[in-house]
Amino acid sequence: CGSDAVKGEFVYNDLDFCCVGCQSVYT
């Protein structure tokens, strides 16, 4: 989504996400 995120907090495929929701959509 482009929002601010903390590097390494929510990661999948070496990509950073701001929350588990965005990570889940990408997954």
mmCIF file of all heavy atoms, coordinates in Angstrom:
data_MODEL
# 
_entry.id   MODEL 
# 
loop_
_atom_site.group_PDB 
_atom_site.id 
_atom_site.type_symbol 
_atom_site.label_atom_id 
_atom_site.label_alt_id 
_atom_site.label_comp_id 
_atom_site.label_asym_id 
_atom_site.label_entity_id 
_atom_site.label_seq_id 
_atom_site.pdbx_PDB_ins_code 
_atom_site.Cartn_x 
_atom_site.Cartn_y 
_atom_site.Cartn_z 
_atom_site.occupancy 
_atom_site.B_iso_or_equiv 
_atom_site.pdbx_formal_charge 
_atom_site.auth_seq_id 
_atom_site.auth_comp_id 
_atom_site.auth_asym_id 
_atom_site.auth_atom_id 
_atom_site.pdbx_PDB_model_num 
ATOM 1   N N   . CYS A 1 1  ? 0.792  -1.234  0.000  1.00 0.00 ? 1  CYS A N   1 
ATOM 2   C CA  . CYS A 1 1  ? 0.000  0.000   0.000  1.00 0.00 ? 1  CYS A CA  1 
ATOM 3   C C   . CYS A 1 1  ? 0.823  1.284   0.000  1.00 0.00 ? 1  CYS A C   1 
ATOM 4   O O   . CYS A 1 1  ? 0.280  2.359   -0.198 1.00 0.00 ? 1  CYS A O   1 
ATOM 5   C CB  . CYS A 1 1  ? -0.952 0.015   1.188  1.00 0.00 ? 1  CYS A CB  1 
ATOM 6   S SG  . CYS A 1 1  ? -0.164 0.318   2.785  1.00 0.00 ? 1  CYS A SG  1 
ATOM 7   N N   . GLY A 1 2  ? 2.125  1.180   0.240  1.00 0.00 ? 2  GLY A N   1 
ATOM 8   C CA  . GLY A 1 2  ? 2.972  2.365   0.221  1.00 0.00 ? 2  GLY A CA  1 
ATOM 9   C C   . GLY A 1 2  ? 3.048  3.119   1.533  1.00 0.00 ? 2  GLY A C   1 
ATOM 10  O O   . GLY A 1 2  ? 3.770  4.100   1.648  1.00 0.00 ? 2  GLY A O   1 
ATOM 11  N N   . SER A 1 3  ? 2.308  2.676   2.558  1.00 0.00 ? 3  SER A N   1 
ATOM 12  C CA  . SER A 1 3  ? 2.351  3.335   3.863  1.00 0.00 ? 3  SER A CA  1 
ATOM 13  C C   . SER A 1 3  ? 3.706  3.108   4.522  1.00 0.00 ? 3  SER A C   1 
ATOM 14  O O   . SER A 1 3  ? 4.460  2.214   4.128  1.00 0.00 ? 3  SER A O   1 
ATOM 15  C CB  . SER A 1 3  ? 1.266  2.766   4.786  1.00 0.00 ? 3  SER A CB  1 
ATOM 16  O OG  . SER A 1 3  ? -0.014 3.065   4.289  1.00 0.00 ? 3  SER A OG  1 
ATOM 17  N N   . ASP A 1 4  ? 3.988  3.902   5.548  1.00 0.00 ? 4  ASP A N   1 
ATOM 18  C CA  . ASP A 1 4  ? 5.220  3.700   6.316  1.00 0.00 ? 4  ASP A CA  1 
ATOM 19  C C   . ASP A 1 4  ? 5.197  2.328   6.968  1.00 0.00 ? 4  ASP A C   1 
ATOM 20  O O   . ASP A 1 4  ? 4.146  1.864   7.412  1.00 0.00 ? 4  ASP A O   1 
ATOM 21  C CB  . ASP A 1 4  ? 5.353  4.755   7.418  1.00 0.00 ? 4  ASP A CB  1 
ATOM 22  C CG  . ASP A 1 4  ? 5.715  6.126   6.869  1.00 0.00 ? 4  ASP A CG  1 
ATOM 23  O OD1 . ASP A 1 4  ? 6.203  6.200   5.722  1.00 0.00 ? 4  ASP A OD1 1 
ATOM 24  O OD2 . ASP A 1 4  ? 5.520  7.106   7.589  1.00 0.00 ? 4  ASP A OD2 1 
ATOM 25  N N   . ALA A 1 5  ? 6.351  1.693   7.012  1.00 0.00 ? 5  ALA A N   1 
ATOM 26  C CA  . ALA A 1 5  ? 6.495  0.378   7.635  1.00 0.00 ? 5  ALA A CA  1 
ATOM 27  C C   . ALA A 1 5  ? 7.842  0.317   8.331  1.00 0.00 ? 5  ALA A C   1 
ATOM 28  O O   . ALA A 1 5  ? 8.746  1.098   8.022  1.00 0.00 ? 5  ALA A O   1 
ATOM 29  C CB  . ALA A 1 5  ? 6.398  -0.721  6.570  1.00 0.00 ? 5  ALA A CB  1 
ATOM 30  N N   . VAL A 1 6  ? 7.962  -0.592  9.273  1.00 0.00 ? 6  VAL A N   1 
ATOM 31  C CA  . VAL A 1 6  ? 9.225  -0.822  9.967  1.00 0.00 ? 6  VAL A CA  1 
ATOM 32  C C   . VAL A 1 6  ? 9.921  -1.976  9.259  1.00 0.00 ? 6  VAL A C   1 
ATOM 33  O O   . VAL A 1 6  ? 9.353  -3.061  9.122  1.00 0.00 ? 6  VAL A O   1 
ATOM 34  C CB  . VAL A 1 6  ? 8.998  -1.162  11.453 1.00 0.00 ? 6  VAL A CB  1 
ATOM 35  C CG1 . VAL A 1 6  ? 10.311 -1.496  12.128 1.00 0.00 ? 6  VAL A CG1 1 
ATOM 36  C CG2 . VAL A 1 6  ? 8.302  -0.012  12.163 1.00 0.00 ? 6  VAL A CG2 1 
ATOM 37  N N   . LYS A 1 7  ? 11.133 -1.731  8.811  1.00 0.00 ? 7  LYS A N   1 
ATOM 38  C CA  . LYS A 1 7  ? 11.892 -2.755  8.089  1.00 0.00 ? 7  LYS A CA  1 
ATOM 39  C C   . LYS A 1 7  ? 12.029 -4.004  8.953  1.00 0.00 ? 7  LYS A C   1 
ATOM 40  O O   . LYS A 1 7  ? 12.417 -3.940  10.098 1.00 0.00 ? 7  LYS A O   1 
ATOM 41  C CB  . LYS A 1 7  ? 13.268 -2.239  7.706  1.00 0.00 ? 7  LYS A CB  1 
ATOM 42  C CG  . LYS A 1 7  ? 14.056 -3.244  6.861  1.00 0.00 ? 7  LYS A CG  1 
ATOM 43  C CD  . LYS A 1 7  ? 15.193 -2.562  6.162  1.00 0.00 ? 7  LYS A CD  1 
ATOM 44  C CE  . LYS A 1 7  ? 15.941 -3.504  5.263  1.00 0.00 ? 7  LYS A CE  1 
ATOM 45  N NZ  . LYS A 1 7  ? 15.140 -4.019  4.159  1.00 0.00 ? 7  LYS A NZ  1 
ATOM 46  N N   . GLY A 1 8  ? 11.642 -5.138  8.403  1.00 0.00 ? 8  GLY A N   1 
ATOM 47  C CA  . GLY A 1 8  ? 11.790 -6.423  9.074  1.00 0.00 ? 8  GLY A CA  1 
ATOM 48  C C   . GLY A 1 8  ? 10.651 -6.823  9.983  1.00 0.00 ? 8  GLY A C   1 
ATOM 49  O O   . GLY A 1 8  ? 10.643 -7.921  10.513 1.00 0.00 ? 8  GLY A O   1 
ATOM 50  N N   . GLU A 1 9  ? 9.640  -5.967  10.167 1.00 0.00 ? 9  GLU A N   1 
ATOM 51  C CA  . GLU A 1 9  ? 8.540  -6.316  11.068 1.00 0.00 ? 9  GLU A CA  1 
ATOM 52  C C   . GLU A 1 9  ? 7.577  -7.314  10.427 1.00 0.00 ? 9  GLU A C   1 
ATOM 53  O O   . GLU A 1 9  ? 7.227  -8.326  11.013 1.00 0.00 ? 9  GLU A O   1 
ATOM 54  C CB  . GLU A 1 9  ? 7.794  -5.066  11.519 1.00 0.00 ? 9  GLU A CB  1 
ATOM 55  C CG  . GLU A 1 9  ? 6.775  -5.351  12.595 1.00 0.00 ? 9  GLU A CG  1 
ATOM 56  C CD  . GLU A 1 9  ? 6.203  -4.092  13.203 1.00 0.00 ? 9  GLU A CD  1 
ATOM 57  O OE1 . GLU A 1 9  ? 6.238  -3.020  12.572 1.00 0.00 ? 9  GLU A OE1 1 
ATOM 58  O OE2 . GLU A 1 9  ? 5.707  -4.192  14.330 1.00 0.00 ? 9  GLU A OE2 1 
ATOM 59  N N   . PHE A 1 10 ? 7.116  -7.021  9.228  1.00 0.00 ? 10 PHE A N   1 
ATOM 60  C CA  . PHE A 1 10 ? 6.260  -7.933  8.458  1.00 0.00 ? 10 PHE A CA  1 
ATOM 61  C C   . PHE A 1 10 ? 6.947  -8.151  7.118  1.00 0.00 ? 10 PHE A C   1 
ATOM 62  O O   . PHE A 1 10 ? 6.979  -7.245  6.278  1.00 0.00 ? 10 PHE A O   1 
ATOM 63  C CB  . PHE A 1 10 ? 4.863  -7.338  8.240  1.00 0.00 ? 10 PHE A CB  1 
ATOM 64  C CG  . PHE A 1 10 ? 4.103  -7.087  9.506  1.00 0.00 ? 10 PHE A CG  1 
ATOM 65  C CD1 . PHE A 1 10 ? 4.061  -5.820  10.060 1.00 0.00 ? 10 PHE A CD1 1 
ATOM 66  C CD2 . PHE A 1 10 ? 3.448  -8.119  10.162 1.00 0.00 ? 10 PHE A CD2 1 
ATOM 67  C CE1 . PHE A 1 10 ? 3.370  -5.575  11.235 1.00 0.00 ? 10 PHE A CE1 1 
ATOM 68  C CE2 . PHE A 1 10 ? 2.756  -7.889  11.339 1.00 0.00 ? 10 PHE A CE2 1 
ATOM 69  C CZ  . PHE A 1 10 ? 2.722  -6.617  11.882 1.00 0.00 ? 10 PHE A CZ  1 
ATOM 70  N N   . VAL A 1 11 ? 7.509  -9.329  6.913  1.00 0.00 ? 11 VAL A N   1 
ATOM 71  C CA  . VAL A 1 11 ? 8.310  -9.608  5.719  1.00 0.00 ? 11 VAL A CA  1 
ATOM 72  C C   . VAL A 1 11 ? 7.823  -10.892 5.062  1.00 0.00 ? 11 VAL A C   1 
ATOM 73  O O   . VAL A 1 11 ? 7.515  -11.873 5.729  1.00 0.00 ? 11 VAL A O   1 
ATOM 74  C CB  . VAL A 1 11 ? 9.813  -9.754  6.082  1.00 0.00 ? 11 VAL A CB  1 
ATOM 75  C CG1 . VAL A 1 11 ? 10.640 -10.082 4.851  1.00 0.00 ? 11 VAL A CG1 1 
ATOM 76  C CG2 . VAL A 1 11 ? 10.326 -8.505  6.766  1.00 0.00 ? 11 VAL A CG2 1 
ATOM 77  N N   . TYR A 1 12 ? 7.765  -10.866 3.738  1.00 0.00 ? 12 TYR A N   1 
ATOM 78  C CA  . TYR A 1 12 ? 7.462  -12.062 2.946  1.00 0.00 ? 12 TYR A CA  1 
ATOM 79  C C   . TYR A 1 12 ? 8.194  -11.901 1.627  1.00 0.00 ? 12 TYR A C   1 
ATOM 80  O O   . TYR A 1 12 ? 8.138  -10.823 1.011  1.00 0.00 ? 12 TYR A O   1 
ATOM 81  C CB  . TYR A 1 12 ? 5.948  -12.196 2.715  1.00 0.00 ? 12 TYR A CB  1 
ATOM 82  C CG  . TYR A 1 12 ? 5.562  -13.447 1.960  1.00 0.00 ? 12 TYR A CG  1 
ATOM 83  C CD1 . TYR A 1 12 ? 5.488  -14.673 2.611  1.00 0.00 ? 12 TYR A CD1 1 
ATOM 84  C CD2 . TYR A 1 12 ? 5.282  -13.400 0.607  1.00 0.00 ? 12 TYR A CD2 1 
ATOM 85  C CE1 . TYR A 1 12 ? 5.133  -15.826 1.923  1.00 0.00 ? 12 TYR A CE1 1 
ATOM 86  C CE2 . TYR A 1 12 ? 4.929  -14.541 -0.100 1.00 0.00 ? 12 TYR A CE2 1 
ATOM 87  C CZ  . TYR A 1 12 ? 4.861  -15.748 0.566  1.00 0.00 ? 12 TYR A CZ  1 
ATOM 88  O OH  . TYR A 1 12 ? 4.522  -16.900 -0.110 1.00 0.00 ? 12 TYR A OH  1 
ATOM 89  N N   . ASN A 1 13 ? 8.888  -12.927 1.179  1.00 0.00 ? 13 ASN A N   1 
ATOM 90  C CA  . ASN A 1 13 ? 9.683  -12.876 -0.062 1.00 0.00 ? 13 ASN A CA  1 
ATOM 91  C C   . ASN A 1 13 ? 10.644 -11.687 -0.063 1.00 0.00 ? 13 ASN A C   1 
ATOM 92  O O   . ASN A 1 13 ? 10.805 -11.024 -1.079 1.00 0.00 ? 13 ASN A O   1 
ATOM 93  C CB  . ASN A 1 13 ? 8.784  -12.812 -1.300 1.00 0.00 ? 13 ASN A CB  1 
ATOM 94  C CG  . ASN A 1 13 ? 8.164  -14.141 -1.641 1.00 0.00 ? 13 ASN A CG  1 
ATOM 95  O OD1 . ASN A 1 13 ? 8.524  -15.173 -1.088 1.00 0.00 ? 13 ASN A OD1 1 
ATOM 96  N ND2 . ASN A 1 13 ? 7.214  -14.132 -2.542 1.00 0.00 ? 13 ASN A ND2 1 
ATOM 97  N N   . ASP A 1 14 ? 11.236 -11.398 1.075  1.00 0.00 ? 14 ASP A N   1 
ATOM 98  C CA  . ASP A 1 14 ? 12.181 -10.273 1.230  1.00 0.00 ? 14 ASP A CA  1 
ATOM 99  C C   . ASP A 1 14 ? 11.548 -8.916  0.965  1.00 0.00 ? 14 ASP A C   1 
ATOM 100 O O   . ASP A 1 14 ? 12.237 -7.949  0.658  1.00 0.00 ? 14 ASP A O   1 
ATOM 101 C CB  . ASP A 1 14 ? 13.419 -10.457 0.344  1.00 0.00 ? 14 ASP A CB  1 
ATOM 102 C CG  . ASP A 1 14 ? 14.265 -11.642 0.772  1.00 0.00 ? 14 ASP A CG  1 
ATOM 103 O OD1 . ASP A 1 14 ? 14.359 -11.890 1.990  1.00 0.00 ? 14 ASP A OD1 1 
ATOM 104 O OD2 . ASP A 1 14 ? 14.827 -12.306 -0.106 1.00 0.00 ? 14 ASP A OD2 1 
ATOM 105 N N   . LEU A 1 15 ? 10.240 -8.809  1.072  1.00 0.00 ? 15 LEU A N   1 
ATOM 106 C CA  . LEU A 1 15 ? 9.526  -7.542  0.898  1.00 0.00 ? 15 LEU A CA  1 
ATOM 107 C C   . LEU A 1 15 ? 8.945  -7.130  2.242  1.00 0.00 ? 15 LEU A C   1 
ATOM 108 O O   . LEU A 1 15 ? 8.491  -7.975  3.021  1.00 0.00 ? 15 LEU A O   1 
ATOM 109 C CB  . LEU A 1 15 ? 8.399  -7.692  -0.126 1.00 0.00 ? 15 LEU A CB  1 
ATOM 110 C CG  . LEU A 1 15 ? 8.832  -8.117  -1.526 1.00 0.00 ? 15 LEU A CG  1 
ATOM 111 C CD1 . LEU A 1 15 ? 7.613  -8.445  -2.380 1.00 0.00 ? 15 LEU A CD1 1 
ATOM 112 C CD2 . LEU A 1 15 ? 9.663  -7.014  -2.175 1.00 0.00 ? 15 LEU A CD2 1 
ATOM 113 N N   . ASP A 1 16 ? 8.942  -5.833  2.515  1.00 0.00 ? 16 ASP A N   1 
ATOM 114 C CA  . ASP A 1 16 ? 8.421  -5.315  3.777  1.00 0.00 ? 16 ASP A CA  1 
ATOM 115 C C   . ASP A 1 16 ? 6.987  -4.822  3.622  1.00 0.00 ? 16 ASP A C   1 
ATOM 116 O O   . ASP A 1 16 ? 6.627  -4.232  2.598  1.00 0.00 ? 16 ASP A O   1 
ATOM 117 C CB  . ASP A 1 16 ? 9.305  -4.157  4.267  1.00 0.00 ? 16 ASP A CB  1 
ATOM 118 C CG  . ASP A 1 16 ? 10.649 -4.645  4.754  1.00 0.00 ? 16 ASP A CG  1 
ATOM 119 O OD1 . ASP A 1 16 ? 10.672 -5.297  5.817  1.00 0.00 ? 16 ASP A OD1 1 
ATOM 120 O OD2 . ASP A 1 16 ? 11.665 -4.389  4.084  1.00 0.00 ? 16 ASP A OD2 1 
ATOM 121 N N   . PHE A 1 17 ? 6.184  -5.054  4.665  1.00 0.00 ? 17 PHE A N   1 
ATOM 122 C CA  . PHE A 1 17 ? 4.782  -4.650  4.692  1.00 0.00 ? 17 PHE A CA  1 
ATOM 123 C C   . PHE A 1 17 ? 4.499  -3.919  5.991  1.00 0.00 ? 17 PHE A C   1 
ATOM 124 O O   . PHE A 1 17 ? 5.162  -4.147  7.000  1.00 0.00 ? 17 PHE A O   1 
ATOM 125 C CB  . PHE A 1 17 ? 3.873  -5.881  4.554  1.00 0.00 ? 17 PHE A CB  1 
ATOM 126 C CG  . PHE A 1 17 ? 4.114  -6.635  3.280  1.00 0.00 ? 17 PHE A CG  1 
ATOM 127 C CD1 . PHE A 1 17 ? 5.032  -7.670  3.228  1.00 0.00 ? 17 PHE A CD1 1 
ATOM 128 C CD2 . PHE A 1 17 ? 3.446  -6.290  2.121  1.00 0.00 ? 17 PHE A CD2 1 
ATOM 129 C CE1 . PHE A 1 17 ? 5.289  -8.353  2.045  1.00 0.00 ? 17 PHE A CE1 1 
ATOM 130 C CE2 . PHE A 1 17 ? 3.690  -6.960  0.927  1.00 0.00 ? 17 PHE A CE2 1 
ATOM 131 C CZ  . PHE A 1 17 ? 4.614  -7.997  0.890  1.00 0.00 ? 17 PHE A CZ  1 
ATOM 132 N N   . CYS A 1 18 ? 3.472  -3.059  5.978  1.00 0.00 ? 18 CYS A N   1 
ATOM 133 C CA  . CYS A 1 18 ? 3.144  -2.273  7.170  1.00 0.00 ? 18 CYS A CA  1 
ATOM 134 C C   . CYS A 1 18 ? 2.323  -3.063  8.177  1.00 0.00 ? 18 CYS A C   1 
ATOM 135 O O   . CYS A 1 18 ? 2.298  -2.736  9.362  1.00 0.00 ? 18 CYS A O   1 
ATOM 136 C CB  . CYS A 1 18 ? 2.411  -0.989  6.785  1.00 0.00 ? 18 CYS A CB  1 
ATOM 137 S SG  . CYS A 1 18 ? 0.790  -1.250  6.025  1.00 0.00 ? 18 CYS A SG  1 
ATOM 138 N N   . CYS A 1 19 ? 1.635  -4.106  7.721  1.00 0.00 ? 19 CYS A N   1 
ATOM 139 C CA  . CYS A 1 19 ? 0.765  -4.878  8.615  1.00 0.00 ? 19 CYS A CA  1 
ATOM 140 C C   . CYS A 1 19 ? 0.557  -6.280  8.043  1.00 0.00 ? 19 CYS A C   1 
ATOM 141 O O   . CYS A 1 19 ? 0.888  -6.550  6.882  1.00 0.00 ? 19 CYS A O   1 
ATOM 142 C CB  . CYS A 1 19 ? -0.585 -4.177  8.784  1.00 0.00 ? 19 CYS A CB  1 
ATOM 143 S SG  . CYS A 1 19 ? -1.566 -4.096  7.265  1.00 0.00 ? 19 CYS A SG  1 
ATOM 144 N N   . VAL A 1 20 ? -0.025 -7.128  8.867  1.00 0.00 ? 20 VAL A N   1 
ATOM 145 C CA  . VAL A 1 20 ? -0.276 -8.499  8.432  1.00 0.00 ? 20 VAL A CA  1 
ATOM 146 C C   . VAL A 1 20 ? -1.332 -8.544  7.317  1.00 0.00 ? 20 VAL A C   1 
ATOM 147 O O   . VAL A 1 20 ? -1.324 -9.447  6.484  1.00 0.00 ? 20 VAL A O   1 
ATOM 148 C CB  . VAL A 1 20 ? -0.659 -9.405  9.631  1.00 0.00 ? 20 VAL A CB  1 
ATOM 149 C CG1 . VAL A 1 20 ? -2.039 -9.077  10.146 1.00 0.00 ? 20 VAL A CG1 1 
ATOM 150 C CG2 . VAL A 1 20 ? -0.523 -10.864 9.286  1.00 0.00 ? 20 VAL A CG2 1 
ATOM 151 N N   . GLY A 1 21 ? -2.221 -7.552  7.265  1.00 0.00 ? 21 GLY A N   1 
ATOM 152 C CA  . GLY A 1 21 ? -3.230 -7.494  6.202  1.00 0.00 ? 21 GLY A CA  1 
ATOM 153 C C   . GLY A 1 21 ? -2.601 -7.319  4.831  1.00 0.00 ? 21 GLY A C   1 
ATOM 154 O O   . GLY A 1 21 ? -2.911 -8.059  3.896  1.00 0.00 ? 21 GLY A O   1 
ATOM 155 N N   . CYS A 1 22 ? -1.702 -6.343  4.717  1.00 0.00 ? 22 CYS A N   1 
ATOM 156 C CA  . CYS A 1 22 ? -1.019 -6.121  3.436  1.00 0.00 ? 22 CYS A CA  1 
ATOM 157 C C   . CYS A 1 22 ? -0.143 -7.320  3.068  1.00 0.00 ? 22 CYS A C   1 
ATOM 158 O O   . CYS A 1 22 ? -0.091 -7.724  1.908  1.00 0.00 ? 22 CYS A O   1 
ATOM 159 C CB  . CYS A 1 22 ? -0.173 -4.849  3.500  1.00 0.00 ? 22 CYS A CB  1 
ATOM 160 S SG  . CYS A 1 22 ? -1.153 -3.329  3.422  1.00 0.00 ? 22 CYS A SG  1 
ATOM 161 N N   . GLN A 1 23 ? 0.507  -7.889  4.068  1.00 0.00 ? 23 GLN A N   1 
ATOM 162 C CA  . GLN A 1 23 ? 1.332  -9.075  3.827  1.00 0.00 ? 23 GLN A CA  1 
ATOM 163 C C   . GLN A 1 23 ? 0.462  -10.224 3.327  1.00 0.00 ? 23 GLN A C   1 
ATOM 164 O O   . GLN A 1 23 ? 0.834  -10.941 2.393  1.00 0.00 ? 23 GLN A O   1 
ATOM 165 C CB  . GLN A 1 23 ? 2.064  -9.469  5.105  1.00 0.00 ? 23 GLN A CB  1 
ATOM 166 C CG  . GLN A 1 23 ? 2.955  -10.673 4.946  1.00 0.00 ? 23 GLN A CG  1 
ATOM 167 C CD  . GLN A 1 23 ? 3.589  -11.091 6.265  1.00 0.00 ? 23 GLN A CD  1 
ATOM 168 O OE1 . GLN A 1 23 ? 3.174  -10.665 7.334  1.00 0.00 ? 23 GLN A OE1 1 
ATOM 169 N NE2 . GLN A 1 23 ? 4.592  -11.923 6.180  1.00 0.00 ? 23 GLN A NE2 1 
ATOM 170 N N   . SER A 1 24 ? -0.720 -10.380 3.910  1.00 0.00 ? 24 SER A N   1 
ATOM 171 C CA  . SER A 1 24 ? -1.630 -11.460 3.512  1.00 0.00 ? 24 SER A CA  1 
ATOM 172 C C   . SER A 1 24 ? -2.137 -11.286 2.095  1.00 0.00 ? 24 SER A C   1 
ATOM 173 O O   . SER A 1 24 ? -2.204 -12.251 1.323  1.00 0.00 ? 24 SER A O   1 
ATOM 174 C CB  . SER A 1 24 ? -2.819 -11.529 4.479  1.00 0.00 ? 24 SER A CB  1 
ATOM 175 O OG  . SER A 1 24 ? -2.379 -11.872 5.766  1.00 0.00 ? 24 SER A OG  1 
ATOM 176 N N   . VAL A 1 25 ? -2.502 -10.050 1.736  1.00 0.00 ? 25 VAL A N   1 
ATOM 177 C CA  . VAL A 1 25 ? -2.976 -9.793  0.368  1.00 0.00 ? 25 VAL A CA  1 
ATOM 178 C C   . VAL A 1 25 ? -1.871 -10.137 -0.626 1.00 0.00 ? 25 VAL A C   1 
ATOM 179 O O   . VAL A 1 25 ? -2.118 -10.825 -1.632 1.00 0.00 ? 25 VAL A O   1 
ATOM 180 C CB  . VAL A 1 25 ? -3.431 -8.327  0.190  1.00 0.00 ? 25 VAL A CB  1 
ATOM 181 C CG1 . VAL A 1 25 ? -3.701 -8.024  -1.276 1.00 0.00 ? 25 VAL A CG1 1 
ATOM 182 C CG2 . VAL A 1 25 ? -4.668 -8.052  1.027  1.00 0.00 ? 25 VAL A CG2 1 
ATOM 183 N N   . TYR A 1 26 ? -0.644 -9.691  -0.351 1.00 0.00 ? 26 TYR A N   1 
ATOM 184 C CA  . TYR A 1 26 ? 0.467  -10.005 -1.244 1.00 0.00 ? 26 TYR A CA  1 
ATOM 185 C C   . TYR A 1 26 ? 0.682  -11.523 -1.326 1.00 0.00 ? 26 TYR A C   1 
ATOM 186 O O   . TYR A 1 26 ? 0.890  -12.065 -2.420 1.00 0.00 ? 26 TYR A O   1 
ATOM 187 C CB  . TYR A 1 26 ? 1.766  -9.330  -0.792 1.00 0.00 ? 26 TYR A CB  1 
ATOM 188 C CG  . TYR A 1 26 ? 2.932  -9.764  -1.640 1.00 0.00 ? 26 TYR A CG  1 
ATOM 189 C CD1 . TYR A 1 26 ? 3.186  -9.148  -2.853 1.00 0.00 ? 26 TYR A CD1 1 
ATOM 190 C CD2 . TYR A 1 26 ? 3.743  -10.834 -1.260 1.00 0.00 ? 26 TYR A CD2 1 
ATOM 191 C CE1 . TYR A 1 26 ? 4.227  -9.570  -3.663 1.00 0.00 ? 26 TYR A CE1 1 
ATOM 192 C CE2 . TYR A 1 26 ? 4.787  -11.267 -2.055 1.00 0.00 ? 26 TYR A CE2 1 
ATOM 193 C CZ  . TYR A 1 26 ? 5.025  -10.632 -3.256 1.00 0.00 ? 26 TYR A CZ  1 
ATOM 194 O OH  . TYR A 1 26 ? 6.050  -11.065 -4.056 1.00 0.00 ? 26 TYR A OH  1 
ATOM 195 N N   . THR A 1 27 ? 0.610  -12.209 -0.192 1.00 0.00 ? 27 THR A N   1 
ATOM 196 C CA  . THR A 1 27 ? 0.817  -13.657 -0.165 1.00 0.00 ? 27 THR A CA  1 
ATOM 197 C C   . THR A 1 27 ? -0.212 -14.360 -1.045 1.00 0.00 ? 27 THR A C   1 
ATOM 198 O O   . THR A 1 27 ? 0.126  -15.270 -1.810 1.00 0.00 ? 27 THR A O   1 
ATOM 199 C CB  . THR A 1 27 ? 0.732  -14.188 1.280  1.00 0.00 ? 27 THR A CB  1 
ATOM 200 O OG1 . THR A 1 27 ? 1.715  -13.530 2.073  1.00 0.00 ? 27 THR A OG1 1 
ATOM 201 C CG2 . THR A 1 27 ? 0.969  -15.686 1.340  1.00 0.00 ? 27 THR A CG2 1 
# 
